[in-house]
Amino acid sequence: MASGENGTGGHDRTALDEIDLTGELMIAASASRAERLAAEQIDEVLLARRGPERPERPED
C-alpha cells in the first residue's frame, strides 16, 4: 500500500521537506568560510524556500 493511500502522505511530504531543507542548509554551510552559519545566512536559505512557487504551507 502506498503511503498516500493510508492517510500518511502528509507526514511523508513533511519529512521530505525537512530533508530538502537540511540539504540546503548543509550546502550553504559548506559554501561558507565561517565555522558556523550566521543567523542572517540561515534566514536567507529559509526565505529562499518560500518564494511564490513554494508557499509557506502547501494545501493538500
N, C-alpha and C. Protein backbone atom coordinates (compact mmCIF):
# COMPACT_ATOMS: atom_id res chain seq x y z
N MET A 1 0.85 -1.18 0.00
CA MET A 1 0.00 0.00 0.00
C MET A 1 0.90 1.24 0.00
N ALA A 2 0.62 2.16 -0.89
CA ALA A 2 1.41 3.40 -0.96
C ALA A 2 1.06 4.30 0.22
N SER A 3 2.00 5.11 0.63
CA SER A 3 1.78 5.95 1.81
C SER A 3 0.62 6.91 1.65
N GLY A 4 0.35 7.38 0.44
CA GLY A 4 -0.76 8.29 0.21
C GLY A 4 -2.12 7.61 0.39
N GLU A 5 -2.14 6.29 0.29
CA GLU A 5 -3.40 5.56 0.39
C GLU A 5 -3.84 5.37 1.83
N ASN A 6 -2.94 5.39 2.77
CA ASN A 6 -3.32 5.14 4.16
C ASN A 6 -3.38 6.41 5.00
N GLY A 7 -3.36 7.56 4.36
CA GLY A 7 -3.52 8.81 5.08
C GLY A 7 -2.25 9.40 5.66
N THR A 8 -1.09 8.83 5.39
CA THR A 8 0.15 9.37 5.94
C THR A 8 0.94 10.18 4.93
N GLY A 9 0.34 10.46 3.78
CA GLY A 9 1.03 11.23 2.75
C GLY A 9 1.53 12.57 3.24
N GLY A 10 0.78 13.21 4.13
CA GLY A 10 1.20 14.49 4.69
C GLY A 10 2.47 14.37 5.50
N HIS A 11 2.58 13.27 6.22
CA HIS A 11 3.80 13.04 7.01
C HIS A 11 4.99 12.82 6.09
N ASP A 12 4.76 12.09 4.99
CA ASP A 12 5.84 11.87 4.03
C ASP A 12 6.29 13.18 3.41
N ARG A 13 5.34 14.04 3.05
CA ARG A 13 5.68 15.34 2.44
C ARG A 13 6.47 16.18 3.44
N THR A 14 6.05 16.18 4.70
CA THR A 14 6.75 16.94 5.73
C THR A 14 8.17 16.43 5.90
N ALA A 15 8.33 15.11 5.94
CA ALA A 15 9.67 14.52 6.09
C ALA A 15 10.55 14.89 4.89
N LEU A 16 10.00 14.82 3.69
CA LEU A 16 10.79 15.17 2.51
C LEU A 16 11.16 16.65 2.51
N ASP A 17 10.24 17.51 2.94
CA ASP A 17 10.55 18.93 3.04
C ASP A 17 11.67 19.18 4.04
N GLU A 18 11.64 18.47 5.17
CA GLU A 18 12.69 18.62 6.18
C GLU A 18 14.03 18.13 5.65
N ILE A 19 14.01 17.04 4.89
CA ILE A 19 15.25 16.52 4.29
C ILE A 19 15.80 17.53 3.29
N ASP A 20 14.92 18.10 2.45
CA ASP A 20 15.36 19.12 1.48
C ASP A 20 15.95 20.33 2.19
N LEU A 21 15.29 20.79 3.24
CA LEU A 21 15.77 21.94 3.98
C LEU A 21 17.13 21.66 4.60
N THR A 22 17.28 20.49 5.19
CA THR A 22 18.56 20.12 5.79
C THR A 22 19.66 20.12 4.73
N GLY A 23 19.35 19.58 3.57
CA GLY A 23 20.32 19.57 2.48
C GLY A 23 20.72 20.97 2.05
N GLU A 24 19.74 21.85 1.92
CA GLU A 24 20.03 23.22 1.52
C GLU A 24 20.87 23.94 2.57
N LEU A 25 20.58 23.69 3.84
CA LEU A 25 21.39 24.30 4.90
C LEU A 25 22.81 23.74 4.90
N MET A 26 22.95 22.44 4.62
CA MET A 26 24.29 21.84 4.56
C MET A 26 25.09 22.41 3.40
N ILE A 27 24.43 22.61 2.26
CA ILE A 27 25.12 23.21 1.11
C ILE A 27 25.56 24.63 1.44
N ALA A 28 24.68 25.40 2.07
CA ALA A 28 25.03 26.77 2.45
C ALA A 28 26.19 26.77 3.44
N ALA A 29 26.17 25.84 4.39
CA ALA A 29 27.25 25.77 5.39
C ALA A 29 28.57 25.39 4.74
N SER A 30 28.53 24.47 3.79
CA SER A 30 29.78 24.05 3.15
C SER A 30 30.34 25.14 2.24
N ALA A 31 29.49 26.01 1.74
CA ALA A 31 29.95 27.11 0.88
C ALA A 31 30.47 28.29 1.69
N SER A 32 30.18 28.29 2.97
CA SER A 32 30.60 29.39 3.84
C SER A 32 32.01 29.16 4.35
N ARG A 33 32.77 30.22 4.47
CA ARG A 33 34.12 30.10 5.02
C ARG A 33 34.12 30.13 6.54
N ALA A 34 33.01 30.58 7.11
CA ALA A 34 32.91 30.68 8.57
C ALA A 34 32.71 29.29 9.17
N GLU A 35 33.03 29.16 10.45
CA GLU A 35 32.84 27.88 11.14
C GLU A 35 31.36 27.54 11.27
N ARG A 36 30.54 28.58 11.46
CA ARG A 36 29.10 28.40 11.61
C ARG A 36 28.37 29.39 10.72
N LEU A 37 27.17 29.03 10.29
CA LEU A 37 26.35 29.98 9.54
C LEU A 37 25.78 31.01 10.49
N ALA A 38 25.82 32.25 10.07
CA ALA A 38 25.21 33.32 10.85
C ALA A 38 23.69 33.21 10.72
N ALA A 39 22.98 33.73 11.68
CA ALA A 39 21.52 33.69 11.65
C ALA A 39 20.98 34.31 10.36
N GLU A 40 21.63 35.35 9.87
CA GLU A 40 21.20 36.00 8.63
C GLU A 40 21.33 35.05 7.44
N GLN A 41 22.40 34.26 7.42
CA GLN A 41 22.59 33.30 6.33
C GLN A 41 21.53 32.20 6.39
N ILE A 42 21.21 31.75 7.58
CA ILE A 42 20.16 30.74 7.73
C ILE A 42 18.83 31.30 7.27
N ASP A 43 18.55 32.54 7.65
CA ASP A 43 17.31 33.19 7.22
C ASP A 43 17.23 33.28 5.71
N GLU A 44 18.35 33.58 5.05
CA GLU A 44 18.37 33.67 3.60
C GLU A 44 17.98 32.33 2.98
N VAL A 45 18.52 31.24 3.52
CA VAL A 45 18.18 29.91 3.00
C VAL A 45 16.70 29.62 3.22
N LEU A 46 16.21 29.91 4.41
CA LEU A 46 14.81 29.64 4.72
C LEU A 46 13.88 30.49 3.87
N LEU A 47 14.20 31.77 3.71
CA LEU A 47 13.33 32.65 2.93
C LEU A 47 13.37 32.32 1.44
N ALA A 48 14.49 31.82 0.95
CA ALA A 48 14.59 31.44 -0.46
C ALA A 48 13.63 30.30 -0.78
N ARG A 49 13.32 29.47 0.20
CA ARG A 49 12.39 28.35 0.01
C ARG A 49 10.94 28.82 -0.06
N ARG A 50 10.65 30.02 0.41
CA ARG A 50 9.27 30.50 0.48
C ARG A 50 8.95 31.48 -0.64
N GLY A 51 9.44 31.21 -1.82
CA GLY A 51 9.13 32.05 -2.96
C GLY A 51 7.68 31.85 -3.39
N PRO A 52 7.23 32.55 -4.42
CA PRO A 52 5.84 32.44 -4.87
C PRO A 52 5.47 31.02 -5.28
N GLU A 53 6.44 30.27 -5.80
CA GLU A 53 6.17 28.90 -6.22
C GLU A 53 6.16 27.93 -5.05
N ARG A 54 6.65 28.34 -3.87
CA ARG A 54 6.68 27.47 -2.70
C ARG A 54 6.03 28.20 -1.53
N PRO A 55 4.72 28.06 -1.37
CA PRO A 55 4.05 28.73 -0.25
C PRO A 55 4.53 28.17 1.08
N GLU A 56 4.24 28.93 2.13
CA GLU A 56 4.69 28.51 3.47
C GLU A 56 4.16 27.15 3.82
N ARG A 57 2.90 26.87 3.59
CA ARG A 57 2.29 25.57 3.86
C ARG A 57 1.49 25.17 2.65
N PRO A 58 1.94 24.13 1.96
CA PRO A 58 1.16 23.68 0.80
C PRO A 58 -0.19 23.14 1.23
N GLU A 59 -1.21 23.45 0.45
CA GLU A 59 -2.55 22.98 0.79
C GLU A 59 -2.83 21.72 0.00
N ASP A 60 -3.06 20.63 0.71
CA ASP A 60 -3.35 19.32 0.08
C ASP A 60 -4.71 18.85 0.49
